[in-house]
Amino acid sequence: MTSISIFRVFTVALALVIAQAVLQPAAADQLDELRAQGQIGERFDGFAEARDDASDAARALVKKVNAQRREIYEKQAKKQNISIDQVGRVYAERILKKLPKGAWIRTEDGWRQI
């Protein structure tokens, strides 16, 4: 590989890292906004859920967020030799502690607003 090719690869990799760093906070802000609107709630198992009246954009964000969470949970489960469900429940506790008043959560008994 020439020095120009290495530089291009490095530049593209750096751009991807920067793009991801910029996009993650934007997705978190969007998630918080949709939670505040009641379109998205958090579940007892560590995953987000679109509520019945959620927009298509909210549903798409839930799908994206849950895919990212599943990847994290799978890695942790493998590392600790426990089930994904166990990992998800631990993360759910952390997520629920950070939710603002008025957010929706789905317990094993159904939806409730905190």
Protein backbone atom coordinates (compact mmCIF):
# COMPACT_ATOMS: atom_id res chain seq x y z
CA MET A 1 0.00 0.00 0.00
CA THR A 2 1.32 3.42 -0.87
CA SER A 3 1.49 6.24 1.63
CA ILE A 4 -1.38 7.98 -0.18
CA SER A 5 -3.56 4.85 0.12
CA ILE A 6 -2.77 4.52 3.82
CA PHE A 7 -3.60 8.20 4.29
CA ARG A 8 -6.96 7.74 2.50
CA VAL A 9 -7.85 4.70 4.61
CA PHE A 10 -6.91 6.58 7.76
CA THR A 11 -8.95 9.62 6.66
CA VAL A 12 -12.05 7.53 5.92
CA ALA A 13 -11.73 5.67 9.24
CA LEU A 14 -11.35 8.94 11.12
CA ALA A 15 -14.38 10.39 9.35
CA LEU A 16 -16.47 7.37 10.34
CA VAL A 17 -15.43 7.68 13.98
CA ILE A 18 -16.27 11.39 14.01
CA ALA A 19 -19.61 10.79 12.28
CA GLN A 20 -20.57 8.16 14.83
CA ALA A 21 -19.58 10.43 17.72
CA VAL A 22 -21.74 13.21 16.29
CA LEU A 23 -24.72 10.99 15.44
CA GLN A 24 -24.97 9.16 18.78
CA PRO A 25 -25.85 12.27 20.83
CA ALA A 26 -28.38 13.27 18.17
CA ALA A 27 -30.09 9.87 18.47
CA ALA A 28 -30.07 10.14 22.27
CA ASP A 29 -31.63 13.60 22.07
CA GLN A 30 -34.29 12.31 19.68
CA LEU A 31 -35.00 9.36 21.98
CA ASP A 32 -35.40 11.71 24.96
CA GLU A 33 -37.73 13.96 22.98
CA LEU A 34 -39.93 11.06 21.86
CA ARG A 35 -40.01 9.69 25.41
CA ALA A 36 -41.18 13.10 26.64
CA GLN A 37 -43.93 13.06 24.01
CA GLY A 38 -45.04 9.63 25.21
CA GLN A 39 -44.33 7.98 21.86
CA ILE A 40 -41.56 5.76 23.22
CA GLY A 41 -41.38 3.94 26.53
CA GLU A 42 -38.79 1.79 28.21
CA ARG A 43 -39.36 -1.85 29.08
CA PHE A 44 -38.38 -3.94 32.09
CA ASP A 45 -36.09 -6.01 29.85
CA GLY A 46 -33.80 -3.16 28.81
CA PHE A 47 -35.35 -2.47 25.43
CA ALA A 48 -37.32 0.53 24.19
CA GLU A 49 -40.82 0.15 22.81
CA ALA A 50 -42.91 2.33 20.52
CA ARG A 51 -46.26 3.06 22.11
CA ASP A 52 -49.51 2.56 20.20
CA ASP A 53 -49.73 6.13 18.86
CA ALA A 54 -46.04 6.39 17.92
CA SER A 55 -45.00 7.92 14.62
CA ASP A 56 -43.14 5.99 11.95
CA ALA A 57 -40.00 7.94 12.89
CA ALA A 58 -40.37 6.85 16.52
CA ARG A 59 -40.81 3.23 15.47
CA ALA A 60 -37.70 3.41 13.27
CA LEU A 61 -35.68 4.91 16.12
CA VAL A 62 -36.82 2.17 18.50
CA LYS A 63 -35.69 -0.45 16.00
CA LYS A 64 -32.26 1.21 15.70
CA VAL A 65 -31.82 1.72 19.46
CA ASN A 66 -32.86 -1.84 20.24
CA ALA A 67 -30.43 -3.26 17.67
CA GLN A 68 -27.61 -1.31 19.33
CA ARG A 69 -28.72 -2.40 22.79
CA ARG A 70 -29.02 -6.04 21.73
CA GLU A 71 -25.45 -5.95 20.45
CA ILE A 72 -24.23 -4.55 23.77
CA TYR A 73 -26.29 -7.05 25.79
CA GLU A 74 -25.03 -9.99 23.72
CA LYS A 75 -21.41 -8.96 24.25
CA GLN A 76 -21.92 -8.56 27.99
CA ALA A 77 -23.82 -11.83 28.27
CA LYS A 78 -21.06 -13.70 26.47
CA LYS A 79 -18.37 -12.00 28.56
CA GLN A 80 -20.13 -12.85 31.85
CA ASN A 81 -21.55 -16.20 30.74
CA ILE A 82 -25.13 -15.19 31.56
CA SER A 83 -28.28 -14.76 29.50
CA ILE A 84 -29.09 -11.69 27.41
CA ASP A 85 -32.29 -11.37 29.45
CA GLN A 86 -30.27 -11.02 32.67
CA VAL A 87 -28.06 -8.36 31.13
CA GLY A 88 -31.07 -6.50 29.74
CA ARG A 89 -32.75 -6.39 33.13
CA VAL A 90 -29.63 -4.91 34.74
CA TYR A 91 -29.41 -2.25 32.04
CA ALA A 92 -33.15 -1.60 32.41
CA GLU A 93 -32.62 -0.66 36.05
CA ARG A 94 -29.97 1.85 35.01
CA ILE A 95 -32.12 3.26 32.21
CA LEU A 96 -35.19 3.59 34.42
CA LYS A 97 -33.26 5.50 37.08
CA LYS A 98 -32.35 8.15 34.51
CA LEU A 99 -35.83 8.66 33.06
CA PRO A 100 -37.55 11.95 33.77
CA LYS A 101 -40.87 12.16 35.56
CA GLY A 102 -43.71 11.53 33.14
CA ALA A 103 -41.88 8.93 31.07
CA TRP A 104 -43.64 5.66 30.25
CA ILE A 105 -42.33 2.30 31.34
CA ARG A 106 -43.61 -1.15 30.58
CA THR A 107 -43.44 -3.48 33.53
CA GLU A 108 -44.36 -7.14 33.39
CA ASP A 109 -47.88 -5.99 34.35
CA GLY A 110 -48.27 -3.37 31.60
CA TRP A 111 -47.64 0.32 30.91
CA ARG A 112 -47.39 2.94 33.63
CA GLN A 113 -46.22 6.49 33.73
CA ILE A 114 -43.58 7.47 36.29
